[in-house]
Amino acid sequence: MIPDKFTCLLSKVKCKFTVDADDLKSFRNLKACAVRWSAGPSIAIMPYGLELAGLSPSPLTIQEPKNKKNCFKYYYDHEVLVGVDVYGASGDEIEWEVFQLDGNESFCLRLDDDDEVVRVSGVMYNNGRPEIACRFEEDGEYWCYEYEYERDQAVSMRVYATNSAPGTRIYIDKEAEELMGLYFYNGSSKVYVYRRN
């Protein structure tokens, strides 16, 4: 069961599956576009999105790799991320993403090599900080997160997803500003979803 607070954002996320892919490709034609590369995923629109999948963000570089196997190409317009090309194991582009920023909301649409939307993520902000986020897959799987704060720092998130108990609380373990891990409790034991090496 998803709480009502997610209804609006989840509805907007689902509507993004009907967009025309040709209207989204313009980020590749920007004249003032800066490009960055990474040897694996580096950026997710949802806070802790990569880490929740068990991945550490890869560092960004301006150097284009000779071998594009599993690489990511990031497009920036005036220092704002607008799109990503995703390369597979063969070094060919297999998917791409476009970012849409609109006031207190932001969205990321991932499309396959047939230009079909396969995943949409959205984040709603309150006073500049993430309040809730949703990710919806083409097969109907979803993940919704509600971020909890103490003294303007995110300390945990409540998760509502197709594959977990509703309202599971994931704690954010930080040292200074560095993320050390994400975990939940199983009884009195910590179970890490992500742990920094």
C-alpha atoms as a PDB file:
ATOM      1  CA  MET A   1       0.000   0.000   0.000  1.00  0.00           C
ATOM      2  CA  ILE A   2       1.383   3.392  -1.017  1.00  0.00           C
ATOM      3  CA  PRO A   3       0.512   6.361   1.229  1.00  0.00           C
ATOM      4  CA  ASP A   4      -1.569   9.156  -0.344  1.00  0.00           C
ATOM      5  CA  LYS A   5       1.358  11.605  -0.251  1.00  0.00           C
ATOM      6  CA  PHE A   6       2.889   9.723  -3.216  1.00  0.00           C
ATOM      7  CA  THR A   7      -0.253   9.752  -5.395  1.00  0.00           C
ATOM      8  CA  CYS A   8       0.481  12.975  -7.295  1.00  0.00           C
ATOM      9  CA  LEU A   9       4.163  12.237  -7.967  1.00  0.00           C
ATOM     10  CA  LEU A  10       3.534   8.608  -8.923  1.00  0.00           C
ATOM     11  CA  SER A  11       0.783   9.711 -11.311  1.00  0.00           C
ATOM     12  CA  LYS A  12       3.152  12.194 -12.999  1.00  0.00           C
ATOM     13  CA  VAL A  13       5.861   9.538 -13.225  1.00  0.00           C
ATOM     14  CA  LYS A  14       3.462   7.070 -14.900  1.00  0.00           C
ATOM     15  CA  CYS A  15       2.318   9.727 -17.407  1.00  0.00           C
ATOM     16  CA  LYS A  16       5.920  10.161 -18.604  1.00  0.00           C
ATOM     17  CA  PHE A  17       5.714   6.713 -20.233  1.00  0.00           C
ATOM     18  CA  THR A  18       3.629   8.254 -23.041  1.00  0.00           C
ATOM     19  CA  VAL A  19       6.123  10.922 -24.183  1.00  0.00           C
ATOM     20  CA  ASP A  20       7.417  11.124 -27.748  1.00  0.00           C
ATOM     21  CA  ALA A  21      11.090  10.139 -27.698  1.00  0.00           C
ATOM     22  CA  ASP A  22      11.933  12.439 -30.628  1.00  0.00           C
ATOM     23  CA  ASP A  23      11.005  15.444 -28.472  1.00  0.00           C
ATOM     24  CA  LEU A  24      13.540  14.365 -25.833  1.00  0.00           C
ATOM     25  CA  LYS A  25      16.689  14.007 -27.948  1.00  0.00           C
ATOM     26  CA  SER A  26      17.453  17.724 -28.253  1.00  0.00           C
ATOM     27  CA  PHE A  27      20.031  17.636 -25.422  1.00  0.00           C
ATOM     28  CA  ARG A  28      22.490  15.998 -27.826  1.00  0.00           C
ATOM     29  CA  ASN A  29      22.398  19.089 -30.075  1.00  0.00           C
ATOM     30  CA  LEU A  30      23.178  21.751 -27.459  1.00  0.00           C
ATOM     31  CA  LYS A  31      25.992  24.013 -28.631  1.00  0.00           C
ATOM     32  CA  ALA A  32      27.231  25.005 -25.151  1.00  0.00           C
ATOM     33  CA  CYS A  33      27.015  21.461 -23.883  1.00  0.00           C
ATOM     34  CA  ALA A  34      29.760  20.122 -21.633  1.00  0.00           C
ATOM     35  CA  VAL A  35      30.347  16.372 -21.592  1.00  0.00           C
ATOM     36  CA  ARG A  36      31.625  14.136 -18.790  1.00  0.00           C
ATOM     37  CA  TRP A  37      32.299  10.386 -18.787  1.00  0.00           C
ATOM     38  CA  SER A  38      32.306   7.634 -16.197  1.00  0.00           C
ATOM     39  CA  ALA A  39      33.306   3.966 -16.293  1.00  0.00           C
ATOM     40  CA  GLY A  40      30.068   2.988 -14.547  1.00  0.00           C
ATOM     41  CA  PRO A  41      26.984   4.793 -13.250  1.00  0.00           C
ATOM     42  CA  SER A  42      27.869   8.012 -11.489  1.00  0.00           C
ATOM     43  CA  ILE A  43      24.680  10.039 -10.977  1.00  0.00           C
ATOM     44  CA  ALA A  44      21.092   9.228 -10.077  1.00  0.00           C
ATOM     45  CA  ILE A  45      18.269  11.745  -9.823  1.00  0.00           C
ATOM     46  CA  MET A  46      16.929  10.057  -6.692  1.00  0.00           C
ATOM     47  CA  PRO A  47      18.981  10.672  -3.551  1.00  0.00           C
ATOM     48  CA  TYR A  48      21.018   7.522  -2.845  1.00  0.00           C
ATOM     49  CA  GLY A  49      19.564   5.894  -5.965  1.00  0.00           C
ATOM     50  CA  LEU A  50      22.796   4.144  -6.945  1.00  0.00           C
ATOM     51  CA  GLU A  51      23.643   3.096  -3.409  1.00  0.00           C
ATOM     52  CA  LEU A  52      20.150   1.634  -2.896  1.00  0.00           C
ATOM     53  CA  ALA A  53      20.982  -0.616  -5.860  1.00  0.00           C
ATOM     54  CA  GLY A  54      24.247  -1.588  -4.133  1.00  0.00           C
ATOM     55  CA  LEU A  55      26.457   0.525  -6.428  1.00  0.00           C
ATOM     56  CA  SER A  56      29.152   3.040  -5.573  1.00  0.00           C
ATOM     57  CA  PRO A  57      29.074   6.099  -7.855  1.00  0.00           C
ATOM     58  CA  SER A  58      31.890   6.059 -10.420  1.00  0.00           C
ATOM     59  CA  PRO A  59      34.078   9.171 -10.703  1.00  0.00           C
ATOM     60  CA  LEU A  60      33.453  11.615 -13.559  1.00  0.00           C
ATOM     61  CA  THR A  61      36.130  12.627 -16.052  1.00  0.00           C
ATOM     62  CA  ILE A  62      36.319  14.894 -19.094  1.00  0.00           C
ATOM     63  CA  GLN A  63      38.451  12.301 -20.926  1.00  0.00           C
ATOM     64  CA  GLU A  64      36.518  10.266 -23.492  1.00  0.00           C
ATOM     65  CA  PRO A  65      37.427   6.589 -23.022  1.00  0.00           C
ATOM     66  CA  LYS A  66      38.877   4.638 -25.928  1.00  0.00           C
ATOM     67  CA  ASN A  67      36.743   1.626 -24.955  1.00  0.00           C
ATOM     68  CA  LYS A  68      33.174   2.598 -24.101  1.00  0.00           C
ATOM     69  CA  LYS A  69      32.291  -0.780 -22.537  1.00  0.00           C
ATOM     70  CA  ASN A  70      29.769  -0.098 -19.717  1.00  0.00           C
ATOM     71  CA  CYS A  71      30.502   3.653 -19.863  1.00  0.00           C
ATOM     72  CA  PHE A  72      28.167   6.590 -19.289  1.00  0.00           C
ATOM     73  CA  LYS A  73      28.297   9.894 -21.189  1.00  0.00           C
ATOM     74  CA  TYR A  74      26.796  12.864 -19.299  1.00  0.00           C
ATOM     75  CA  TYR A  75      25.570  16.013 -21.066  1.00  0.00           C
ATOM     76  CA  TYR A  76      25.468  19.309 -19.175  1.00  0.00           C
ATOM     77  CA  ASP A  77      23.850  22.577 -20.227  1.00  0.00           C
ATOM     78  CA  HIS A  78      25.240  25.471 -18.162  1.00  0.00           C
ATOM     79  CA  GLU A  79      26.294  22.996 -15.424  1.00  0.00           C
ATOM     80  CA  VAL A  80      22.840  21.359 -15.293  1.00  0.00           C
ATOM     81  CA  LEU A  81      22.675  17.658 -16.184  1.00  0.00           C
ATOM     82  CA  VAL A  82      20.263  17.237 -19.109  1.00  0.00           C
ATOM     83  CA  GLY A  83      20.991  13.792 -20.560  1.00  0.00           C
ATOM     84  CA  VAL A  84      23.006  10.590 -20.441  1.00  0.00           C
ATOM     85  CA  ASP A  85      24.036   7.984 -23.004  1.00  0.00           C
ATOM     86  CA  VAL A  86      24.468   4.484 -21.535  1.00  0.00           C
ATOM     87  CA  TYR A  87      26.860   2.032 -23.207  1.00  0.00           C
ATOM     88  CA  GLY A  88      26.688  -1.743 -22.767  1.00  0.00           C
ATOM     89  CA  ALA A  89      29.189  -4.591 -22.591  1.00  0.00           C
ATOM     90  CA  SER A  90      29.851  -4.360 -26.352  1.00  0.00           C
ATOM     91  CA  GLY A  91      30.652  -0.631 -26.155  1.00  0.00           C
ATOM     92  CA  ASP A  92      27.488   0.288 -28.087  1.00  0.00           C
ATOM     93  CA  GLU A  93      24.833   2.655 -26.810  1.00  0.00           C
ATOM     94  CA  ILE A  94      22.024   0.563 -25.292  1.00  0.00           C
ATOM     95  CA  GLU A  95      19.956   3.129 -23.382  1.00  0.00           C
ATOM     96  CA  TRP A  96      19.728   6.860 -22.810  1.00  0.00           C
ATOM     97  CA  GLU A  97      18.287   9.172 -20.193  1.00  0.00           C
ATOM     98  CA  VAL A  98      16.855  12.650 -20.268  1.00  0.00           C
ATOM     99  CA  PHE A  99      16.395  14.903 -17.241  1.00  0.00           C
ATOM    100  CA  GLN A 100      13.476  17.293 -16.827  1.00  0.00           C
ATOM    101  CA  LEU A 101      13.694  19.950 -14.122  1.00  0.00           C
ATOM    102  CA  ASP A 102      10.562  21.895 -13.257  1.00  0.00           C
ATOM    103  CA  GLY A 103      10.504  24.058 -10.125  1.00  0.00           C
ATOM    104  CA  ASN A 104       9.997  21.765  -7.148  1.00  0.00           C
ATOM    105  CA  GLU A 105      10.038  18.587  -9.237  1.00  0.00           C
ATOM    106  CA  SER A 106      12.608  16.760 -11.312  1.00  0.00           C
ATOM    107  CA  PHE A 107      12.283  13.688 -13.498  1.00  0.00           C
ATOM    108  CA  CYS A 108      14.600  11.244 -15.244  1.00  0.00           C
ATOM    109  CA  LEU A 109      13.319   9.133 -18.146  1.00  0.00           C
ATOM    110  CA  ARG A 110      15.356   6.120 -19.261  1.00  0.00           C
ATOM    111  CA  LEU A 111      14.762   4.868 -22.801  1.00  0.00           C
ATOM    112  CA  ASP A 112      16.048   1.757 -24.546  1.00  0.00           C
ATOM    113  CA  ASP A 113      17.722   1.597 -27.958  1.00  0.00           C
ATOM    114  CA  ASP A 114      14.253   1.397 -29.564  1.00  0.00           C
ATOM    115  CA  ASP A 115      13.392   4.739 -27.900  1.00  0.00           C
ATOM    116  CA  GLU A 116      10.821   3.117 -25.598  1.00  0.00           C
ATOM    117  CA  VAL A 117      10.565   4.431 -22.042  1.00  0.00           C
ATOM    118  CA  VAL A 118      11.643   1.663 -19.660  1.00  0.00           C
ATOM    119  CA  ARG A 119      11.938   3.580 -16.372  1.00  0.00           C
ATOM    120  CA  VAL A 120      10.933   6.943 -14.940  1.00  0.00           C
ATOM    121  CA  SER A 121      12.123   8.455 -11.665  1.00  0.00           C
ATOM    122  CA  GLY A 122      10.765  11.608 -10.069  1.00  0.00           C
ATOM    123  CA  VAL A 123      11.639  13.706  -7.023  1.00  0.00           C
ATOM    124  CA  MET A 124       9.559  16.369  -5.270  1.00  0.00           C
ATOM    125  CA  TYR A 125      11.389  19.015  -3.252  1.00  0.00           C
ATOM    126  CA  ASN A 126      10.308  21.084  -0.252  1.00  0.00           C
ATOM    127  CA  ASN A 127      12.419  24.188   0.427  1.00  0.00           C
ATOM    128  CA  GLY A 128      15.145  22.850  -1.863  1.00  0.00           C
ATOM    129  CA  ARG A 129      15.535  19.454  -0.228  1.00  0.00           C
ATOM    130  CA  PRO A 130      14.131  16.117  -1.448  1.00  0.00           C
ATOM    131  CA  GLU A 131      10.871  15.258   0.286  1.00  0.00           C
ATOM    132  CA  ILE A 132       9.660  12.211  -1.673  1.00  0.00           C
ATOM    133  CA  ALA A 133      10.860  10.241  -4.693  1.00  0.00           C
ATOM    134  CA  CYS A 134       9.382   7.519  -6.906  1.00  0.00           C
ATOM    135  CA  ARG A 135      10.825   5.145  -9.469  1.00  0.00           C
ATOM    136  CA  PHE A 136       8.512   3.205 -11.780  1.00  0.00           C
ATOM    137  CA  GLU A 137       9.576   0.456 -14.193  1.00  0.00           C
ATOM    138  CA  GLU A 138       7.825  -0.545 -17.417  1.00  0.00           C
ATOM    139  CA  ASP A 139       6.860  -3.900 -15.850  1.00  0.00           C
ATOM    140  CA  GLY A 140       4.944  -2.144 -13.046  1.00  0.00           C
ATOM    141  CA  GLU A 141       7.533  -2.483 -10.289  1.00  0.00           C
ATOM    142  CA  TYR A 142       7.892   0.648  -8.181  1.00  0.00           C
ATOM    143  CA  TRP A 143       9.902   2.138  -5.332  1.00  0.00           C
ATOM    144  CA  CYS A 144       8.739   5.182  -3.340  1.00  0.00           C
ATOM    145  CA  TYR A 145      10.877   6.944  -0.736  1.00  0.00           C
ATOM    146  CA  GLU A 146      10.018   9.516   1.909  1.00  0.00           C
ATOM    147  CA  TYR A 147      13.090  11.285   3.279  1.00  0.00           C
ATOM    148  CA  GLU A 148      13.331  12.068   7.007  1.00  0.00           C
ATOM    149  CA  TYR A 149      15.498  14.895   8.334  1.00  0.00           C
ATOM    150  CA  GLU A 150      17.117  15.992  11.571  1.00  0.00           C
ATOM    151  CA  ARG A 151      18.747  19.433  11.666  1.00  0.00           C
ATOM    152  CA  ASP A 152      18.482  19.722   7.859  1.00  0.00           C
ATOM    153  CA  GLN A 153      20.343  16.440   7.297  1.00  0.00           C
ATOM    154  CA  ALA A 154      18.648  13.382   5.790  1.00  0.00           C
ATOM    155  CA  VAL A 155      18.937  10.632   8.397  1.00  0.00           C
ATOM    156  CA  SER A 156      16.594   7.980   7.028  1.00  0.00           C
ATOM    157  CA  MET A 157      13.989   7.171   4.417  1.00  0.00           C
ATOM    158  CA  ARG A 158      10.744   5.219   4.477  1.00  0.00           C
ATOM    159  CA  VAL A 159      10.377   2.791   1.594  1.00  0.00           C
ATOM    160  CA  TYR A 160       7.197   1.625  -0.118  1.00  0.00           C
ATOM    161  CA  ALA A 161       7.968  -0.828  -2.899  1.00  0.00           C
ATOM    162  CA  THR A 162       6.675  -3.875  -4.721  1.00  0.00           C
ATOM    163  CA  ASN A 163       9.436  -6.004  -3.200  1.00  0.00           C
ATOM    164  CA  SER A 164       9.556  -4.904   0.458  1.00  0.00           C
ATOM    165  CA  ALA A 165       7.409  -4.519   3.549  1.00  0.00           C
ATOM    166  CA  PRO A 166       5.582  -1.144   3.384  1.00  0.00           C
ATOM    167  CA  GLY A 167       7.202   1.575   5.473  1.00  0.00           C
ATOM    168  CA  THR A 168      10.575  -0.123   5.909  1.00  0.00           C
ATOM    169  CA  ARG A 169      12.946   2.463   7.355  1.00  0.00           C
ATOM    170  CA  ILE A 170      16.402   2.662   5.788  1.00  0.00           C
ATOM    171  CA  TYR A 171      18.958   4.584   7.855  1.00  0.00           C
ATOM    172  CA  ILE A 172      21.584   6.817   6.292  1.00  0.00           C
ATOM    173  CA  ASP A 173      24.999   6.320   7.895  1.00  0.00           C
ATOM    174  CA  LYS A 174      27.309   9.290   7.280  1.00  0.00           C
ATOM    175  CA  GLU A 175      30.664  10.449   8.590  1.00  0.00           C
ATOM    176  CA  ALA A 176      30.925  14.197   8.069  1.00  0.00           C
ATOM    177  CA  GLU A 177      29.449  14.545   4.557  1.00  0.00           C
ATOM    178  CA  GLU A 178      30.512  11.119   3.262  1.00  0.00           C
ATOM    179  CA  LEU A 179      28.004   8.313   2.928  1.00  0.00           C
ATOM    180  CA  MET A 180      29.298   5.236   4.739  1.00  0.00           C
ATOM    181  CA  GLY A 181      26.260   3.006   4.378  1.00  0.00           C
ATOM    182  CA  LEU A 182      22.518   2.443   4.110  1.00  0.00           C
ATOM    183  CA  TYR A 183      20.895  -0.126   6.376  1.00  0.00           C
ATOM    184  CA  PHE A 184      17.666  -1.320   7.963  1.00  0.00           C
ATOM    185  CA  TYR A 185      17.019  -3.368  11.060  1.00  0.00           C
ATOM    186  CA  ASN A 186      15.997  -7.009  11.091  1.00  0.00           C
ATOM    187  CA  GLY A 187      15.147  -7.389  14.761  1.00  0.00           C
ATOM    188  CA  SER A 188      18.185  -5.903  16.487  1.00  0.00           C
ATOM    189  CA  SER A 189      20.597  -6.656  13.617  1.00  0.00           C
ATOM    190  CA  LYS A 190      21.655  -4.093  11.024  1.00  0.00           C
ATOM    191  CA  VAL A 191      21.253  -5.296   7.445  1.00  0.00           C
ATOM    192  CA  TYR A 192      23.267  -3.182   5.003  1.00  0.00           C
ATOM    193  CA  VAL A 193      21.787  -2.381   1.608  1.00  0.00           C
ATOM    194  CA  TYR A 194      24.977  -0.492   0.818  1.00  0.00           C
ATOM    195  CA  ARG A 195      28.316  -0.244   2.608  1.00  0.00           C
ATOM    196  CA  ARG A 196      31.180   1.919   1.400  1.00  0.00           C
ATOM    197  CA  ASN A 197      34.418  -0.024   0.836  1.00  0.00           C
END
